Amino acid sequence: MSNWTNISSVTNNNSVFSNVKSYEEQSKLGKDDFLKILTTQLANQDPSSPLEDKDFIAQMATFSSLEQITNLNSAFSKFANQQTGQYAASIGKEITWTPENSTTPQTGVVTGISNQGGNFYYLVGSQKIPMENVTEIKLSTSESK
């Protein structure tokens, strides 16, 4: 019976670890962390040798750059999600494309989309069709009835 007690105590202790951040999450500094460091530095500086204006301006410029990069990443993520949603609307539609090294167009029904390395592809059967090769998108013949 004591074995069951040990197992339940281990199970209950696992919930303690659910709030612990991974090493990767802990090692990333964000704009809030940078601002905390800057304010701590200003609060603890030597009054007889305060931070020089040029150093303070350089740190503020670094903070501003960090904030702008963070905002750009956020905006780019939203854009990528919006773009994925637009491409997902073509699932079930019939597309026509011209394969590379060919002049004969092919047609098929989109069964999904794929994003690899920032490039979007239509999935038609087992084929990945680059979006730039698509020349037409229309309702599939089964949808138009």
Protein backbone atom coordinates (compact mmCIF):
# COMPACT_ATOMS: atom_id res chain seq x y z
CA MET A 1 0.00 0.00 0.00
CA SER A 2 2.90 2.35 0.62
CA ASN A 3 3.86 1.96 -3.06
CA TRP A 4 0.55 3.59 -4.06
CA THR A 5 1.22 6.48 -1.74
CA ASN A 6 4.63 7.03 -3.35
CA ILE A 7 3.15 6.95 -6.86
CA SER A 8 0.44 9.45 -5.99
CA SER A 9 2.94 11.79 -4.35
CA VAL A 10 5.12 11.66 -7.47
CA THR A 11 2.07 12.36 -9.63
CA ASN A 12 1.09 15.31 -7.45
CA ASN A 13 4.65 16.66 -7.52
CA ASN A 14 4.63 16.68 -11.33
CA SER A 15 2.11 19.53 -11.24
CA VAL A 16 4.81 21.65 -9.60
CA PHE A 17 6.93 21.31 -12.74
CA SER A 18 4.13 22.38 -15.11
CA ASN A 19 4.77 26.05 -14.23
CA VAL A 20 8.54 25.83 -14.75
CA LYS A 21 9.73 27.44 -17.96
CA SER A 22 11.98 25.48 -20.28
CA TYR A 23 15.63 26.47 -20.54
CA GLU A 24 14.98 27.96 -23.98
CA GLU A 25 12.13 30.13 -22.64
CA GLN A 26 14.28 31.26 -19.71
CA SER A 27 17.23 32.20 -21.92
CA LYS A 28 15.22 34.60 -24.13
CA LEU A 29 15.26 38.24 -23.12
CA GLY A 30 12.34 40.38 -24.18
CA LYS A 31 11.68 44.07 -24.10
CA ASP A 32 10.25 43.87 -20.56
CA ASP A 33 13.46 42.21 -19.36
CA PHE A 34 15.57 44.85 -21.07
CA LEU A 35 13.53 47.63 -19.46
CA LYS A 36 13.92 46.02 -16.02
CA ILE A 37 17.69 45.82 -16.48
CA LEU A 38 17.86 49.45 -17.58
CA THR A 39 15.78 50.73 -14.66
CA THR A 40 17.78 48.63 -12.19
CA GLN A 41 20.99 50.01 -13.66
CA LEU A 42 19.72 53.59 -13.34
CA ALA A 43 18.49 53.03 -9.77
CA ASN A 44 21.80 51.52 -8.64
CA GLN A 45 24.26 53.78 -10.42
CA ASP A 46 27.00 55.55 -8.54
CA PRO A 47 25.80 59.13 -7.81
CA SER A 48 29.35 60.46 -8.10
CA SER A 49 29.70 58.89 -11.56
CA PRO A 50 26.27 58.76 -13.20
CA LEU A 51 25.54 57.16 -16.55
CA GLU A 52 26.74 59.39 -19.36
CA ASP A 53 24.14 60.77 -21.76
CA LYS A 54 25.63 58.98 -24.76
CA ASP A 55 25.50 55.61 -22.95
CA PHE A 56 21.90 56.18 -21.87
CA ILE A 57 20.89 57.20 -25.41
CA ALA A 58 22.62 54.12 -26.85
CA GLN A 59 20.74 51.86 -24.45
CA MET A 60 17.42 53.54 -25.25
CA ALA A 61 18.13 53.13 -28.98
CA THR A 62 18.82 49.43 -28.37
CA PHE A 63 15.54 49.15 -26.46
CA SER A 64 13.66 50.90 -29.27
CA SER A 65 15.19 48.55 -31.86
CA LEU A 66 14.28 45.52 -29.77
CA GLU A 67 10.69 46.73 -29.46
CA GLN A 68 10.40 47.35 -33.21
CA ILE A 69 11.79 43.90 -34.05
CA THR A 70 9.34 42.31 -31.59
CA ASN A 71 6.45 44.21 -33.21
CA LEU A 72 7.62 43.17 -36.69
CA ASN A 73 7.72 39.50 -35.65
CA SER A 74 4.22 39.77 -34.24
CA ALA A 75 2.89 41.46 -37.38
CA PHE A 76 4.59 38.90 -39.62
CA SER A 77 3.08 36.02 -37.66
CA LYS A 78 -0.40 37.53 -38.02
CA PHE A 79 0.19 38.03 -41.75
CA ALA A 80 1.36 34.43 -42.22
CA ASN A 81 -1.72 33.12 -40.37
CA GLN A 82 -3.99 35.32 -42.49
CA GLN A 83 -2.28 34.12 -45.66
CA THR A 84 -2.70 30.49 -44.57
CA GLY A 85 -6.41 31.12 -44.03
CA GLN A 86 -6.76 32.57 -47.51
CA TYR A 87 -5.02 29.58 -49.08
CA ALA A 88 -7.09 27.16 -46.99
CA ALA A 89 -10.22 28.53 -48.68
CA SER A 90 -9.06 26.80 -51.87
CA ILE A 91 -9.31 23.30 -50.34
CA GLY A 92 -11.87 21.36 -52.36
CA LYS A 93 -11.45 23.67 -55.37
CA GLU A 94 -10.14 22.54 -58.73
CA ILE A 95 -6.85 24.07 -59.81
CA THR A 96 -5.01 24.11 -63.08
CA TRP A 97 -1.24 24.40 -63.12
CA THR A 98 1.65 23.96 -65.47
CA PRO A 99 4.35 21.71 -64.01
CA GLU A 100 7.95 22.82 -64.23
CA ASN A 101 9.71 21.60 -67.39
CA SER A 102 6.34 21.06 -69.11
CA THR A 103 3.96 22.99 -71.31
CA THR A 104 0.96 20.72 -70.71
CA PRO A 105 -1.40 22.05 -68.01
CA GLN A 106 -2.72 19.63 -65.40
CA THR A 107 -5.89 19.80 -63.32
CA GLY A 108 -6.72 18.42 -59.88
CA VAL A 109 -8.71 19.05 -56.72
CA VAL A 110 -6.89 20.67 -53.79
CA THR A 111 -6.91 18.34 -50.77
CA GLY A 112 -4.79 20.56 -48.52
CA ILE A 113 -2.11 23.22 -48.30
CA SER A 114 1.45 23.06 -47.06
CA ASN A 115 3.91 25.69 -45.86
CA GLN A 116 7.58 24.75 -46.02
CA GLY A 117 10.26 27.32 -45.45
CA GLY A 118 7.80 30.16 -46.01
CA ASN A 119 6.68 28.76 -49.38
CA PHE A 120 3.07 27.67 -49.77
CA TYR A 121 2.02 24.65 -51.80
CA TYR A 122 -1.33 23.22 -52.85
CA LEU A 123 -1.63 19.51 -52.16
CA VAL A 124 -3.28 17.56 -54.97
CA GLY A 125 -3.16 13.87 -54.21
CA SER A 126 0.48 13.20 -53.34
CA GLN A 127 1.75 16.17 -55.38
CA LYS A 128 2.89 19.50 -53.98
CA ILE A 129 2.06 22.26 -56.41
CA PRO A 130 3.90 25.58 -55.92
CA MET A 131 1.31 28.33 -55.77
CA GLU A 132 3.12 30.37 -58.41
CA ASN A 133 2.55 27.55 -60.94
CA VAL A 134 -1.26 27.70 -60.57
CA THR A 135 -3.02 29.39 -63.48
CA GLU A 136 -6.67 28.84 -62.50
CA ILE A 137 -8.79 28.07 -59.43
CA LYS A 138 -12.47 27.18 -59.76
CA LEU A 139 -15.20 25.17 -58.11
CA SER A 140 -14.64 21.49 -58.61
CA THR A 141 -17.14 19.72 -60.85
CA SER A 142 -18.60 17.91 -57.84
CA GLU A 143 -19.22 21.26 -56.02
CA SER A 144 -20.84 23.00 -58.97
CA LYS A 145 -23.76 20.54 -59.12
